Amino acid sequence: GTVVCAPVHRFELEVPQDLLGAVLSELPRHRAVPLTTR
């Protein structure tokens, strides 16, 4: 038996602070999982 595994990228996304909320809301639509914010 084998399990098919798909490639996952690590991303770094730089955005204006005032638009952070909008970007965080968009990420799930692309199955993106945020890990850190600074």
Full PDB file with SEQRES, HELIX, SHEET, SSBOND, CRYST1, ORIGX, SCALE, CONECT and MASTER records, all heavy atoms in Angstrom:
SEQRES   1 A   38  GLY THR VAL VAL CYS ALA PRO VAL HIS ARG PHE GLU LEU          
SEQRES   2 A   38  GLU VAL PRO GLN ASP LEU LEU GLY ALA VAL LEU SER GLU          
SEQRES   3 A   38  LEU PRO ARG HIS ARG ALA VAL PRO LEU THR THR ARG              
HELIX    1 AA1 GLN A   17  LEU A   19  5                                   3    
HELIX    2 AA2 LEU A   20  GLU A   26  1                                   7    
HELIX    3 AA3 LEU A   27  HIS A   30  5                                   4    
CRYST1    1.000    1.000    1.000  90.00  90.00  90.00 P 1           1          
ORIGX1      1.000000  0.000000  0.000000        0.00000                         
ORIGX2      0.000000  1.000000  0.000000        0.00000                         
ORIGX3      0.000000  0.000000  1.000000        0.00000                         
SCALE1      1.000000  0.000000  0.000000        0.00000                         
SCALE2      0.000000  1.000000  0.000000        0.00000                         
SCALE3      0.000000  0.000000  1.000000        0.00000                         
ATOM      1  N   GLY A   1       0.830  -1.202   0.000  1.00  0.00           N  
ATOM      2  CA  GLY A   1       0.000   0.000   0.000  1.00  0.00           C  
ATOM      3  C   GLY A   1       0.863   1.250   0.000  1.00  0.00           C  
ATOM      4  O   GLY A   1       1.922   1.302   0.627  1.00  0.00           O  
ATOM      5  N   THR A   2       0.417   2.252  -0.734  1.00  0.00           N  
ATOM      6  CA  THR A   2       1.131   3.526  -0.755  1.00  0.00           C  
ATOM      7  C   THR A   2       0.139   4.669  -0.533  1.00  0.00           C  
ATOM      8  O   THR A   2      -1.042   4.555  -0.857  1.00  0.00           O  
ATOM      9  CB  THR A   2       1.860   3.761  -2.098  1.00  0.00           C  
ATOM     10  OG1 THR A   2       0.900   3.830  -3.154  1.00  0.00           O  
ATOM     11  CG2 THR A   2       2.863   2.659  -2.377  1.00  0.00           C  
ATOM     12  N   VAL A   3       0.657   5.750   0.028  1.00  0.00           N  
ATOM     13  CA  VAL A   3      -0.120   6.973   0.231  1.00  0.00           C  
ATOM     14  C   VAL A   3       0.443   8.045  -0.690  1.00  0.00           C  
ATOM     15  O   VAL A   3       1.658   8.284  -0.696  1.00  0.00           O  
ATOM     16  CB  VAL A   3      -0.042   7.456   1.689  1.00  0.00           C  
ATOM     17  CG1 VAL A   3      -0.757   8.787   1.861  1.00  0.00           C  
ATOM     18  CG2 VAL A   3      -0.635   6.413   2.616  1.00  0.00           C  
ATOM     19  N   VAL A   4      -0.420   8.662  -1.492  1.00  0.00           N  
ATOM     20  CA  VAL A   4       0.016   9.754  -2.357  1.00  0.00           C  
ATOM     21  C   VAL A   4       0.121  11.029  -1.535  1.00  0.00           C  
ATOM     22  O   VAL A   4      -0.821  11.414  -0.838  1.00  0.00           O  
ATOM     23  CB  VAL A   4      -0.957   9.960  -3.531  1.00  0.00           C  
ATOM     24  CG1 VAL A   4      -0.535  11.165  -4.371  1.00  0.00           C  
ATOM     25  CG2 VAL A   4      -1.004   8.703  -4.397  1.00  0.00           C  
ATOM     26  N   CYS A   5       1.293  11.675  -1.606  1.00  0.00           N  
ATOM     27  CA  CYS A   5       1.533  12.907  -0.850  1.00  0.00           C  
ATOM     28  C   CYS A   5       1.826  14.040  -1.819  1.00  0.00           C  
ATOM     29  O   CYS A   5       2.614  13.875  -2.759  1.00  0.00           O  
ATOM     30  CB  CYS A   5       2.700  12.725   0.112  1.00  0.00           C  
ATOM     31  SG  CYS A   5       2.374  11.520   1.428  1.00  0.00           S  
ATOM     32  N   ALA A   6       1.189  15.176  -1.595  1.00  0.00           N  
ATOM     33  CA  ALA A   6       1.313  16.333  -2.484  1.00  0.00           C  
ATOM     34  C   ALA A   6       2.290  17.355  -1.904  1.00  0.00           C  
ATOM     35  O   ALA A   6       2.472  17.436  -0.687  1.00  0.00           O  
ATOM     36  CB  ALA A   6      -0.058  16.976  -2.693  1.00  0.00           C  
ATOM     37  N   PRO A   7       2.935  18.157  -2.762  1.00  0.00           N  
ATOM     38  CA  PRO A   7       3.914  19.134  -2.276  1.00  0.00           C  
ATOM     39  C   PRO A   7       3.259  20.290  -1.530  1.00  0.00           C  
ATOM     40  O   PRO A   7       2.214  20.798  -1.940  1.00  0.00           O  
ATOM     41  CB  PRO A   7       4.596  19.617  -3.560  1.00  0.00           C  
ATOM     42  CG  PRO A   7       3.587  19.382  -4.633  1.00  0.00           C  
ATOM     43  CD  PRO A   7       2.830  18.161  -4.226  1.00  0.00           C  
ATOM     44  N   VAL A   8       3.897  20.678  -0.451  1.00  0.00           N  
ATOM     45  CA  VAL A   8       3.438  21.807   0.378  1.00  0.00           C  
ATOM     46  C   VAL A   8       4.577  22.813   0.464  1.00  0.00           C  
ATOM     47  O   VAL A   8       5.716  22.449   0.759  1.00  0.00           O  
ATOM     48  CB  VAL A   8       3.040  21.337   1.786  1.00  0.00           C  
ATOM     49  CG1 VAL A   8       2.624  22.528   2.652  1.00  0.00           C  
ATOM     50  CG2 VAL A   8       1.903  20.314   1.710  1.00  0.00           C  
ATOM     51  N   HIS A   9       4.281  24.074   0.185  1.00  0.00           N  
ATOM     52  CA  HIS A   9       5.282  25.127   0.231  1.00  0.00           C  
ATOM     53  C   HIS A   9       5.243  25.873   1.560  1.00  0.00           C  
ATOM     54  O   HIS A   9       4.167  26.021   2.171  1.00  0.00           O  
ATOM     55  CB  HIS A   9       5.048  26.138  -0.893  1.00  0.00           C  
ATOM     56  CG  HIS A   9       5.499  25.649  -2.235  1.00  0.00           C  
ATOM     57  ND1 HIS A   9       6.048  26.470  -3.186  1.00  0.00           N  
ATOM     58  CD2 HIS A   9       5.500  24.411  -2.790  1.00  0.00           C  
ATOM     59  CE1 HIS A   9       6.358  25.777  -4.260  1.00  0.00           C  
ATOM     60  NE2 HIS A   9       6.018  24.520  -4.047  1.00  0.00           N  
ATOM     61  N   ARG A  10       6.400  26.324   1.989  1.00  0.00           N  
ATOM     62  CA  ARG A  10       6.465  27.277   3.100  1.00  0.00           C  
ATOM     63  C   ARG A  10       6.393  28.680   2.501  1.00  0.00           C  
ATOM     64  O   ARG A  10       7.111  28.988   1.549  1.00  0.00           O  
ATOM     65  CB  ARG A  10       7.782  27.113   3.864  1.00  0.00           C  
ATOM     66  CG  ARG A  10       7.908  28.043   5.068  1.00  0.00           C  
ATOM     67  CD  ARG A  10       9.161  27.783   5.871  1.00  0.00           C  
ATOM     68  NE  ARG A  10      10.374  28.179   5.164  1.00  0.00           N  
ATOM     69  CZ  ARG A  10      11.242  27.355   4.635  1.00  0.00           C  
ATOM     70  NH1 ARG A  10      11.049  26.052   4.675  1.00  0.00           N  
ATOM     71  NH2 ARG A  10      12.326  27.800   4.012  1.00  0.00           N  
ATOM     72  N   PHE A  11       5.492  29.504   3.000  1.00  0.00           N  
ATOM     73  CA  PHE A  11       5.360  30.842   2.421  1.00  0.00           C  
ATOM     74  C   PHE A  11       5.738  31.923   3.425  1.00  0.00           C  
ATOM     75  O   PHE A  11       5.667  31.738   4.646  1.00  0.00           O  
ATOM     76  CB  PHE A  11       3.930  31.082   1.902  1.00  0.00           C  
ATOM     77  CG  PHE A  11       2.881  31.274   2.964  1.00  0.00           C  
ATOM     78  CD1 PHE A  11       2.699  32.504   3.587  1.00  0.00           C  
ATOM     79  CD2 PHE A  11       2.050  30.231   3.347  1.00  0.00           C  
ATOM     80  CE1 PHE A  11       1.720  32.694   4.562  1.00  0.00           C  
ATOM     81  CE2 PHE A  11       1.080  30.391   4.319  1.00  0.00           C  
ATOM     82  CZ  PHE A  11       0.912  31.628   4.926  1.00  0.00           C  
ATOM     83  N   GLU A  12       6.174  33.035   2.865  1.00  0.00           N  
ATOM     84  CA  GLU A  12       6.363  34.257   3.641  1.00  0.00           C  
ATOM     85  C   GLU A  12       5.601  35.352   2.913  1.00  0.00           C  
ATOM     86  O   GLU A  12       5.818  35.583   1.721  1.00  0.00           O  
ATOM     87  CB  GLU A  12       7.847  34.617   3.751  1.00  0.00           C  
ATOM     88  CG  GLU A  12       8.095  35.869   4.585  1.00  0.00           C  
ATOM     89  CD  GLU A  12       9.571  36.139   4.800  1.00  0.00           C  
ATOM     90  OE1 GLU A  12      10.190  35.454   5.642  1.00  0.00           O  
ATOM     91  OE2 GLU A  12      10.112  37.019   4.101  1.00  0.00           O  
ATOM     92  N   LEU A  13       4.707  36.000   3.622  1.00  0.00           N  
ATOM     93  CA  LEU A  13       3.797  36.974   3.018  1.00  0.00           C  
ATOM     94  C   LEU A  13       3.915  38.297   3.764  1.00  0.00           C  
ATOM     95  O   LEU A  13       3.661  38.370   4.974  1.00  0.00           O  
ATOM     96  CB  LEU A  13       2.365  36.435   3.082  1.00  0.00           C  
ATOM     97  CG  LEU A  13       1.239  37.306   2.531  1.00  0.00           C  
ATOM     98  CD1 LEU A  13       1.519  37.728   1.098  1.00  0.00           C  
ATOM     99  CD2 LEU A  13      -0.084  36.530   2.595  1.00  0.00           C  
ATOM    100  N   GLU A  14       4.337  39.321   3.040  1.00  0.00           N  
ATOM    101  CA  GLU A  14       4.512  40.654   3.618  1.00  0.00           C  
ATOM    102  C   GLU A  14       3.357  41.540   3.155  1.00  0.00           C  
ATOM    103  O   GLU A  14       3.142  41.715   1.954  1.00  0.00           O  
ATOM    104  CB  GLU A  14       5.852  41.229   3.160  1.00  0.00           C  
ATOM    105  CG  GLU A  14       6.247  42.521   3.824  1.00  0.00           C  
ATOM    106  CD  GLU A  14       7.635  42.963   3.414  1.00  0.00           C  
ATOM    107  OE1 GLU A  14       8.605  42.242   3.729  1.00  0.00           O  
ATOM    108  OE2 GLU A  14       7.742  44.027   2.768  1.00  0.00           O  
ATOM    109  N   VAL A  15       2.597  42.096   4.125  1.00  0.00           N  
ATOM    110  CA  VAL A  15       1.407  42.888   3.791  1.00  0.00           C  
ATOM    111  C   VAL A  15       1.335  44.110   4.697  1.00  0.00           C  
ATOM    112  O   VAL A  15       1.916  44.128   5.794  1.00  0.00           O  
ATOM    113  CB  VAL A  15       0.117  42.050   3.960  1.00  0.00           C  
ATOM    114  CG1 VAL A  15       0.132  40.835   3.048  1.00  0.00           C  
ATOM    115  CG2 VAL A  15      -0.072  41.615   5.407  1.00  0.00           C  
ATOM    116  N   PRO A  16       0.626  45.170   4.270  1.00  0.00           N  
ATOM    117  CA  PRO A  16       0.408  46.321   5.155  1.00  0.00           C  
ATOM    118  C   PRO A  16      -0.334  45.886   6.424  1.00  0.00           C  
ATOM    119  O   PRO A  16      -1.247  45.054   6.364  1.00  0.00           O  
ATOM    120  CB  PRO A  16      -0.433  47.276   4.306  1.00  0.00           C  
ATOM    121  CG  PRO A  16      -0.147  46.879   2.878  1.00  0.00           C  
ATOM    122  CD  PRO A  16       0.073  45.400   2.922  1.00  0.00           C  
ATOM    123  N   GLN A  17       0.048  46.487   7.544  1.00  0.00           N  
ATOM    124  CA  GLN A  17      -0.559  46.086   8.818  1.00  0.00           C  
ATOM    125  C   GLN A  17      -2.072  46.232   8.806  1.00  0.00           C  
ATOM    126  O   GLN A  17      -2.790  45.384   9.346  1.00  0.00           O  
ATOM    127  CB  GLN A  17       0.020  46.925   9.965  1.00  0.00           C  
ATOM    128  CG  GLN A  17       1.457  46.607  10.324  1.00  0.00           C  
ATOM    129  CD  GLN A  17       1.883  47.345  11.572  1.00  0.00           C  
ATOM    130  OE1 GLN A  17       1.185  47.348  12.595  1.00  0.00           O  
ATOM    131  NE2 GLN A  17       3.047  47.989  11.497  1.00  0.00           N  
ATOM    132  N   ASP A  18      -2.585  47.303   8.186  1.00  0.00           N  
ATOM    133  CA  ASP A  18      -4.030  47.562   8.239  1.00  0.00           C  
ATOM    134  C   ASP A  18      -4.833  46.584   7.399  1.00  0.00           C  
ATOM    135  O   ASP A  18      -6.064  46.532   7.505  1.00  0.00           O  
ATOM    136  CB  ASP A  18      -4.331  48.996   7.804  1.00  0.00           C  
ATOM    137  CG  ASP A  18      -3.890  49.276   6.373  1.00  0.00           C  
ATOM    138  OD1 ASP A  18      -2.765  48.891   6.021  1.00  0.00           O  
ATOM    139  OD2 ASP A  18      -4.685  49.864   5.615  1.00  0.00           O  
ATOM    140  N   LEU A  19      -4.152  45.788   6.552  1.00  0.00           N  
ATOM    141  CA  LEU A  19      -4.852  44.822   5.700  1.00  0.00           C  
ATOM    142  C   LEU A  19      -4.605  43.385   6.138  1.00  0.00           C  
ATOM    143  O   LEU A  19      -4.985  42.444   5.446  1.00  0.00           O  
ATOM    144  CB  LEU A  19      -4.409  44.999   4.245  1.00  0.00           C  
ATOM    145  CG  LEU A  19      -4.743  46.364   3.621  1.00  0.00           C  
ATOM    146  CD1 LEU A  19      -4.156  46.476   2.229  1.00  0.00           C  
ATOM    147  CD2 LEU A  19      -6.249  46.582   3.584  1.00  0.00           C  
ATOM    148  N   LEU A  20      -3.995  43.224   7.300  1.00  0.00           N  
ATOM    149  CA  LEU A  20      -3.663  41.887   7.775  1.00  0.00           C  
ATOM    150  C   LEU A  20      -4.916  41.020   7.940  1.00  0.00           C  
ATOM    151  O   LEU A  20      -4.931  39.849   7.574  1.00  0.00           O  
ATOM    152  CB  LEU A  20      -2.905  41.980   9.097  1.00  0.00           C  
ATOM    153  CG  LEU A  20      -2.500  40.655   9.754  1.00  0.00           C  
ATOM    154  CD1 LEU A  20      -1.600  39.847   8.824  1.00  0.00           C  
ATOM    155  CD2 LEU A  20      -1.793  40.916  11.079  1.00  0.00           C  
ATOM    156  N   GLY A  21      -5.984  41.606   8.471  1.00  0.00           N  
ATOM    157  CA  GLY A  21      -7.215  40.841   8.688  1.00  0.00           C  
ATOM    158  C   GLY A  21      -7.797  40.302   7.399  1.00  0.00           C  
ATOM    159  O   GLY A  21      -8.224  39.141   7.336  1.00  0.00           O  
ATOM    160  N   ALA A  22      -7.817  41.135   6.363  1.00  0.00           N  
ATOM    161  CA  ALA A  22      -8.358  40.689   5.073  1.00  0.00           C  
ATOM    162  C   ALA A  22      -7.539  39.548   4.488  1.00  0.00           C  
ATOM    163  O   ALA A  22      -8.086  38.592   3.928  1.00  0.00           O  
ATOM    164  CB  ALA A  22      -8.398  41.871   4.104  1.00  0.00           C  
ATOM    165  N   VAL A  23      -6.233  39.634   4.647  1.00  0.00           N  
ATOM    166  CA  VAL A  23      -5.370  38.583   4.110  1.00  0.00           C  
ATOM    167  C   VAL A  23      -5.559  37.284   4.884  1.00  0.00           C  
ATOM    168  O   VAL A  23      -5.634  36.198   4.306  1.00  0.00           O  
ATOM    169  CB  VAL A  23      -3.901  39.038   4.146  1.00  0.00           C  
ATOM    170  CG1 VAL A  23      -2.974  37.880   3.777  1.00  0.00           C  
ATOM    171  CG2 VAL A  23      -3.684  40.212   3.206  1.00  0.00           C  
ATOM    172  N   LEU A  24      -5.658  37.385   6.212  1.00  0.00           N  
ATOM    173  CA  LEU A  24      -5.882  36.186   7.029  1.00  0.00           C  
ATOM    174  C   LEU A  24      -7.195  35.504   6.667  1.00  0.00           C  
ATOM    175  O   LEU A  24      -7.297  34.272   6.693  1.00  0.00           O  
ATOM    176  CB  LEU A  24      -5.861  36.547   8.510  1.00  0.00           C  
ATOM    177  CG  LEU A  24      -4.480  36.846   9.110  1.00  0.00           C  
ATOM    178  CD1 LEU A  24      -4.619  37.423  10.520  1.00  0.00           C  
ATOM    179  CD2 LEU A  24      -3.628  35.572   9.149  1.00  0.00           C  
ATOM    180  N   SER A  25      -8.202  36.289   6.298  1.00  0.00           N  
ATOM    181  CA  SER A  25      -9.495  35.706   5.906  1.00  0.00           C  
ATOM    182  C   SER A  25      -9.409  34.999   4.561  1.00  0.00           C  
ATOM    183  O   SER A  25     -10.157  34.059   4.293  1.00  0.00           O  
ATOM    184  CB  SER A  25     -10.564  36.813   5.836  1.00  0.00           C  
ATOM    185  OG  SER A  25     -10.744  37.413   7.103  1.00  0.00           O  
ATOM    186  N   GLU A  26      -8.488  35.458   3.704  1.00  0.00           N  
ATOM    187  CA  GLU A  26      -8.343  34.872   2.375  1.00  0.00           C  
ATOM    188  C   GLU A  26      -7.589  33.552   2.393  1.00  0.00           C  
ATOM    189  O   GLU A  26      -7.842  32.661   1.566  1.00  0.00           O  
ATOM    190  CB  GLU A  26      -7.609  35.865   1.458  1.00  0.00           C  
ATOM    191  CG  GLU A  26      -7.358  35.385   0.046  1.00  0.00           C  
ATOM    192  CD  GLU A  26      -8.636  35.312  -0.793  1.00  0.00           C  
ATOM    193  OE1 GLU A  26      -9.646  35.960  -0.417  1.00  0.00           O  
ATOM    194  OE2 GLU A  26      -8.614  34.604  -1.823  1.00  0.00           O  
ATOM    195  N   LEU A  27      -6.674  33.393   3.330  1.00  0.00           N  
ATOM    196  CA  LEU A  27      -5.790  32.228   3.314  1.00  0.00           C  
ATOM    197  C   LEU A  27      -6.533  30.892   3.312  1.00  0.00           C  
ATOM    198  O   LEU A  27      -6.148  29.975   2.562  1.00  0.00           O  
ATOM    199  CB  LEU A  27      -4.812  32.300   4.492  1.00  0.00           C  
ATOM    200  CG  LEU A  27      -3.770  33.426   4.432  1.00  0.00           C  
ATOM    201  CD1 LEU A  27      -2.850  33.369   5.653  1.00  0.00           C  
ATOM    202  CD2 LEU A  27      -2.941  33.338   3.157  1.00  0.00           C  
ATOM    203  N   PRO A  28      -7.581  30.696   4.120  1.00  0.00           N  
ATOM    204  CA  PRO A  28      -8.264  29.394   4.106  1.00  0.00           C  
ATOM    205  C   PRO A  28      -8.847  29.020   2.750  1.00  0.00           C  
ATOM    206  O   PRO A  28      -8.988  27.832   2.439  1.00  0.00           O  
ATOM    207  CB  PRO A  28      -9.372  29.566   5.158  1.00  0.00           C  
ATOM    208  CG  PRO A  28      -8.873  30.646   6.066  1.00  0.00           C  
ATOM    209  CD  PRO A  28      -8.127  31.580   5.170  1.00  0.00           C  
ATOM    210  N   ARG A  29      -9.188  30.014   1.926  1.00  0.00           N  
ATOM    211  CA  ARG A  29      -9.730  29.711   0.603  1.00  0.00           C  
ATOM    212  C   ARG A  29      -8.698  29.017  -0.281  1.00  0.00           C  
ATOM    213  O   ARG A  29      -9.042  28.394  -1.277  1.00  0.00           O  
ATOM    214  CB  ARG A  29     -10.223  30.994  -0.071  1.00  0.00           C  
ATOM    215  CG  ARG A  29     -11.365  31.680   0.663  1.00  0.00           C  
ATOM    216  CD  ARG A  29     -11.893  32.873  -0.145  1.00  0.00           C  
ATOM    217  NE  ARG A  29     -13.014  33.514   0.535  1.00  0.00           N  
ATOM    218  CZ  ARG A  29     -12.894  34.563   1.343  1.00  0.00           C  
ATOM    219  NH1 ARG A  29     -11.698  35.087   1.547  1.00  0.00           N  
ATOM    220  NH2 ARG A  29     -13.953  35.083   1.929  1.00  0.00           N  
ATOM    221  N   HIS A  30      -7.431  29.161   0.079  1.00  0.00           N  
ATOM    222  CA  HIS A  30      -6.349  28.528  -0.680  1.00  0.00           C  
ATOM    223  C   HIS A  30      -5.692  27.417   0.129  1.00  0.00           C  
ATOM    224  O   HIS A  30      -4.582  26.998  -0.189  1.00  0.00           O  
ATOM    225  CB  HIS A  30      -5.317  29.583  -1.077  1.00  0.00           C  
ATOM    226  CG  HIS A  30      -5.898  30.730  -1.852  1.00  0.00           C  
ATOM    227  ND1 HIS A  30      -6.095  30.688  -3.211  1.00  0.00           N  
ATOM    228  CD2 HIS A  30      -6.377  31.940  -1.439  1.00  0.00           C  
ATOM    229  CE1 HIS A  30      -6.635  31.821  -3.611  1.00  0.00           C  
ATOM    230  NE2 HIS A  30      -6.811  32.594  -2.556  1.00  0.00           N  
ATOM    231  N   ARG A  31      -6.389  26.964   1.156  1.00  0.00           N  
ATOM    232  CA  ARG A  31      -5.883  25.901   2.040  1.00  0.00           C  
ATOM    233  C   ARG A  31      -4.530  26.246   2.654  1.00  0.00           C  
ATOM    234  O   ARG A  31      -3.713  25.384   2.942  1.00  0.00           O  
ATOM    235  CB  ARG A  31      -5.810  24.570   1.291  1.00  0.00           C  
ATOM    236  CG  ARG A  31      -7.181  24.004   0.899  1.00  0.00           C  
ATOM    237  CD  ARG A  31      -7.061  22.603   0.348  1.00  0.00           C  
ATOM    238  NE  ARG A  31      -6.583  22.607  -1.031  1.00  0.00           N  
ATOM    239  CZ  ARG A  31      -5.787  21.706  -1.564  1.00  0.00           C  
ATOM    240  NH1 ARG A  31      -5.344  20.704  -0.820  1.00  0.00           N  
ATOM    241  NH2 ARG A  31      -5.405  21.789  -2.820  1.00  0.00           N  
ATOM    242  N   ALA A  32      -4.290  27.547   2.828  1.00  0.00           N  
ATOM    243  CA  ALA A  32      -3.044  28.014   3.438  1.00  0.00           C  
ATOM    244  C   ALA A  32      -3.220  28.089   4.955  1.00  0.00           C  
ATOM    245  O   ALA A  32      -4.262  28.520   5.455  1.00  0.00           O  
ATOM    246  CB  ALA A  32      -2.661  29.379   2.893  1.00  0.00           C  
ATOM    247  N   VAL A  33      -2.189  27.669   5.677  1.00  0.00           N  
ATOM    248  CA  VAL A  33      -2.237  27.643   7.146  1.00  0.00           C  
ATOM    249  C   VAL A  33      -1.168  28.593   7.685  1.00  0.00           C  
ATOM    250  O   VAL A  33       0.038  28.331   7.534  1.00  0.00           O  
ATOM    251  CB  VAL A  33      -1.982  26.226   7.685  1.00  0.00           C  
ATOM    252  CG1 VAL A  33      -2.015  26.222   9.210  1.00  0.00           C  
ATOM    253  CG2 VAL A  33      -2.998  25.244   7.110  1.00  0.00           C  
ATOM    254  N   PRO A  34      -1.559  29.729   8.296  1.00  0.00           N  
ATOM    255  CA  PRO A  34      -0.554  30.629   8.874  1.00  0.00           C  
ATOM    256  C   PRO A  34       0.041  30.029  10.142  1.00  0.00           C  
ATOM    257  O   PRO A  34      -0.667  29.406  10.937  1.00  0.00           O  
ATOM    258  CB  PRO A  34      -1.348  31.905   9.167  1.00  0.00           C  
ATOM    259  CG  PRO A  34      -2.755  31.438   9.333  1.00  0.00           C  
ATOM    260  CD  PRO A  34      -2.926  30.242   8.445  1.00  0.00           C  
ATOM    261  N   LEU A  35       1.338  30.225  10.320  1.00  0.00           N  
ATOM    262  CA  LEU A  35       2.022  29.685  11.496  1.00  0.00           C  
ATOM    263  C   LEU A  35       2.544  30.780  12.413  1.00  0.00           C  
ATOM    264  O   LEU A  35       2.454  30.664  13.630  1.00  0.00           O  
ATOM    265  CB  LEU A  35       3.189  28.784  11.059  1.00  0.00           C  
ATOM    266  CG  LEU A  35       2.820  27.563  10.224  1.00  0.00           C  
ATOM    267  CD1 LEU A  35       4.080  26.807   9.805  1.00  0.00           C  
ATOM    268  CD2 LEU A  35       1.897  26.634  11.013  1.00  0.00           C  
ATOM    269  N   THR A  36       3.096  31.846  11.828  1.00  0.00           N  
ATOM    270  CA  THR A  36       3.618  32.942  12.651  1.00  0.00           C  
ATOM    271  C   THR A  36       3.229  34.281  12.026  1.00  0.00           C  
ATOM    272  O   THR A  36       3.032  34.386  10.816  1.00  0.00           O  
ATOM    273  CB  THR A  36       5.154  32.893  12.772  1.00  0.00           C  
ATOM    274  OG1 THR A  36       5.747  33.136  11.487  1.00  0.00           O  
ATOM    275  CG2 THR A  36       5.630  31.547  13.296  1.00  0.00           C  
ATOM    276  N   THR A  37       3.139  35.287  12.878  1.00  0.00           N  
ATOM    277  CA  THR A  37       2.879  36.659  12.434  1.00  0.00           C  
ATOM    278  C   THR A  37       3.781  37.591  13.222  1.00  0.00           C  
ATOM    279  O   THR A  37       3.893  37.467  14.439  1.00  0.00           O  
ATOM    280  CB  THR A  37       1.410  37.066  12.678  1.00  0.00           C  
ATOM    281  OG1 THR A  37       0.541  36.106  12.073  1.00  0.00           O  
ATOM    282  CG2 THR A  37       1.121  38.442  12.091  1.00  0.00           C  
ATOM    283  N   ARG A  38       4.430  38.507  12.526  1.00  0.00           N  
ATOM    284  CA  ARG A  38       5.271  39.491  13.197  1.00  0.00           C  
ATOM    285  C   ARG A  38       5.243  40.789  12.408  1.00  0.00           C  
ATOM    286  O   ARG A  38       4.790  40.829  11.258  1.00  0.00           O  
ATOM    287  CB  ARG A  38       6.716  38.991  13.296  1.00  0.00           C  
ATOM    288  CG  ARG A  38       7.399  38.746  11.975  1.00  0.00           C  
ATOM    289  CD  ARG A  38       8.811  38.208  12.126  1.00  0.00           C  
ATOM    290  NE  ARG A  38       9.403  37.878  10.846  1.00  0.00           N  
ATOM    291  CZ  ARG A  38      10.009  38.757  10.053  1.00  0.00           C  
ATOM    292  NH1 ARG A  38      10.114  40.029  10.453  1.00  0.00           N  
ATOM    293  NH2 ARG A  38      10.513  38.391   8.901  1.00  0.00           N  
TER     294      ARG A  38                                                      
MASTER        0    0    0    3    0    0    0    6  293    1    0    3          
END                                                                             
